[in-house]
Amino acid sequence: MNISILLGVIGPWQIALVVALVLLMFGGKKLPELMKGIGQGIKEFKDAKDGSEKKDLPGKKTES
């Protein structure tokens, strides 16, 4: 069996299906909060990977 056939190519129908499933699972109101959390997690991961600890800028709020 050819492995490239199993992997396939991600097309517009597959992307639309994933988006529809995410909307059904989380709903329209919860989705922006989910994306914000994912973005913050990615940012924290990159900062930790680079080993840089950025100091808080004046006027910038920090969450506790």
C-alpha atoms as a PDB file:
ATOM      1  CA  MET A   1       0.000   0.000   0.000  1.00  0.00           C
ATOM      2  CA  ASN A   2       1.380   3.410  -0.949  1.00  0.00           C
ATOM      3  CA  ILE A   3       1.840   5.647   2.120  1.00  0.00           C
ATOM      4  CA  SER A   4       1.482   8.871   0.114  1.00  0.00           C
ATOM      5  CA  ILE A   5      -2.097   7.925  -0.740  1.00  0.00           C
ATOM      6  CA  LEU A   6      -2.934   7.504   2.942  1.00  0.00           C
ATOM      7  CA  LEU A   7      -1.461  10.874   3.906  1.00  0.00           C
ATOM      8  CA  GLY A   8      -3.144  12.739   1.088  1.00  0.00           C
ATOM      9  CA  VAL A   9      -3.204  16.462   0.561  1.00  0.00           C
ATOM     10  CA  ILE A  10      -5.079  18.869   2.795  1.00  0.00           C
ATOM     11  CA  GLY A  11      -7.646  20.583   0.625  1.00  0.00           C
ATOM     12  CA  PRO A  12     -10.398  23.137   1.108  1.00  0.00           C
ATOM     13  CA  TRP A  13     -13.001  20.492   1.999  1.00  0.00           C
ATOM     14  CA  GLN A  14     -10.856  19.092   4.801  1.00  0.00           C
ATOM     15  CA  ILE A  15     -10.220  22.575   6.197  1.00  0.00           C
ATOM     16  CA  ALA A  16     -13.944  23.416   6.049  1.00  0.00           C
ATOM     17  CA  LEU A  17     -14.768  20.173   7.864  1.00  0.00           C
ATOM     18  CA  VAL A  18     -12.285  20.908  10.665  1.00  0.00           C
ATOM     19  CA  VAL A  19     -13.602  24.475  11.055  1.00  0.00           C
ATOM     20  CA  ALA A  20     -17.193  23.219  11.197  1.00  0.00           C
ATOM     21  CA  LEU A  21     -16.302  20.618  13.847  1.00  0.00           C
ATOM     22  CA  VAL A  22     -14.492  23.206  15.972  1.00  0.00           C
ATOM     23  CA  LEU A  23     -17.484  25.555  15.771  1.00  0.00           C
ATOM     24  CA  LEU A  24     -19.830  22.751  16.785  1.00  0.00           C
ATOM     25  CA  MET A  25     -17.627  21.710  19.709  1.00  0.00           C
ATOM     26  CA  PHE A  26     -16.859  25.128  21.171  1.00  0.00           C
ATOM     27  CA  GLY A  27     -19.520  27.453  19.798  1.00  0.00           C
ATOM     28  CA  GLY A  28     -19.111  30.939  18.397  1.00  0.00           C
ATOM     29  CA  LYS A  29     -18.793  32.731  21.737  1.00  0.00           C
ATOM     30  CA  LYS A  30     -16.106  30.494  23.209  1.00  0.00           C
ATOM     31  CA  LEU A  31     -13.947  30.333  20.072  1.00  0.00           C
ATOM     32  CA  PRO A  32     -12.209  33.752  20.442  1.00  0.00           C
ATOM     33  CA  GLU A  33     -11.255  32.901  24.034  1.00  0.00           C
ATOM     34  CA  LEU A  34      -9.860  29.570  22.859  1.00  0.00           C
ATOM     35  CA  MET A  35      -7.769  31.203  20.121  1.00  0.00           C
ATOM     36  CA  LYS A  36      -6.459  33.826  22.563  1.00  0.00           C
ATOM     37  CA  GLY A  37      -5.383  31.093  24.963  1.00  0.00           C
ATOM     38  CA  ILE A  38      -3.660  29.147  22.200  1.00  0.00           C
ATOM     39  CA  GLY A  39      -1.843  32.290  21.052  1.00  0.00           C
ATOM     40  CA  GLN A  40      -0.633  33.075  24.559  1.00  0.00           C
ATOM     41  CA  GLY A  41       0.539  29.497  25.000  1.00  0.00           C
ATOM     42  CA  ILE A  42       2.514  29.589  21.761  1.00  0.00           C
ATOM     43  CA  LYS A  43       4.076  32.931  22.733  1.00  0.00           C
ATOM     44  CA  GLU A  44       5.087  31.620  26.170  1.00  0.00           C
ATOM     45  CA  PHE A  45       6.532  28.478  24.583  1.00  0.00           C
ATOM     46  CA  LYS A  46       8.625  30.490  22.127  1.00  0.00           C
ATOM     47  CA  ASP A  47       9.860  32.770  24.911  1.00  0.00           C
ATOM     48  CA  ALA A  48      10.824  29.786  27.056  1.00  0.00           C
ATOM     49  CA  LYS A  49      12.494  28.061  24.113  1.00  0.00           C
ATOM     50  CA  ASP A  50      14.600  31.127  23.369  1.00  0.00           C
ATOM     51  CA  GLY A  51      15.462  31.465  27.027  1.00  0.00           C
ATOM     52  CA  SER A  52      14.621  35.133  27.042  1.00  0.00           C
ATOM     53  CA  GLU A  53      12.782  36.605  29.964  1.00  0.00           C
ATOM     54  CA  LYS A  54      11.343  39.919  28.908  1.00  0.00           C
ATOM     55  CA  LYS A  55      10.988  42.518  31.594  1.00  0.00           C
ATOM     56  CA  ASP A  56       7.617  44.177  31.959  1.00  0.00           C
ATOM     57  CA  LEU A  57       7.358  47.476  30.176  1.00  0.00           C
ATOM     58  CA  PRO A  58       6.005  50.471  32.087  1.00  0.00           C
ATOM     59  CA  GLY A  59       2.260  50.764  31.633  1.00  0.00           C
ATOM     60  CA  LYS A  60       1.825  47.166  30.553  1.00  0.00           C
ATOM     61  CA  LYS A  61      -0.537  45.109  32.680  1.00  0.00           C
ATOM     62  CA  THR A  62       0.534  41.741  33.996  1.00  0.00           C
ATOM     63  CA  GLU A  63      -1.904  38.995  34.882  1.00  0.00           C
ATOM     64  CA  SER A  64      -1.567  37.157  38.177  1.00  0.00           C
END
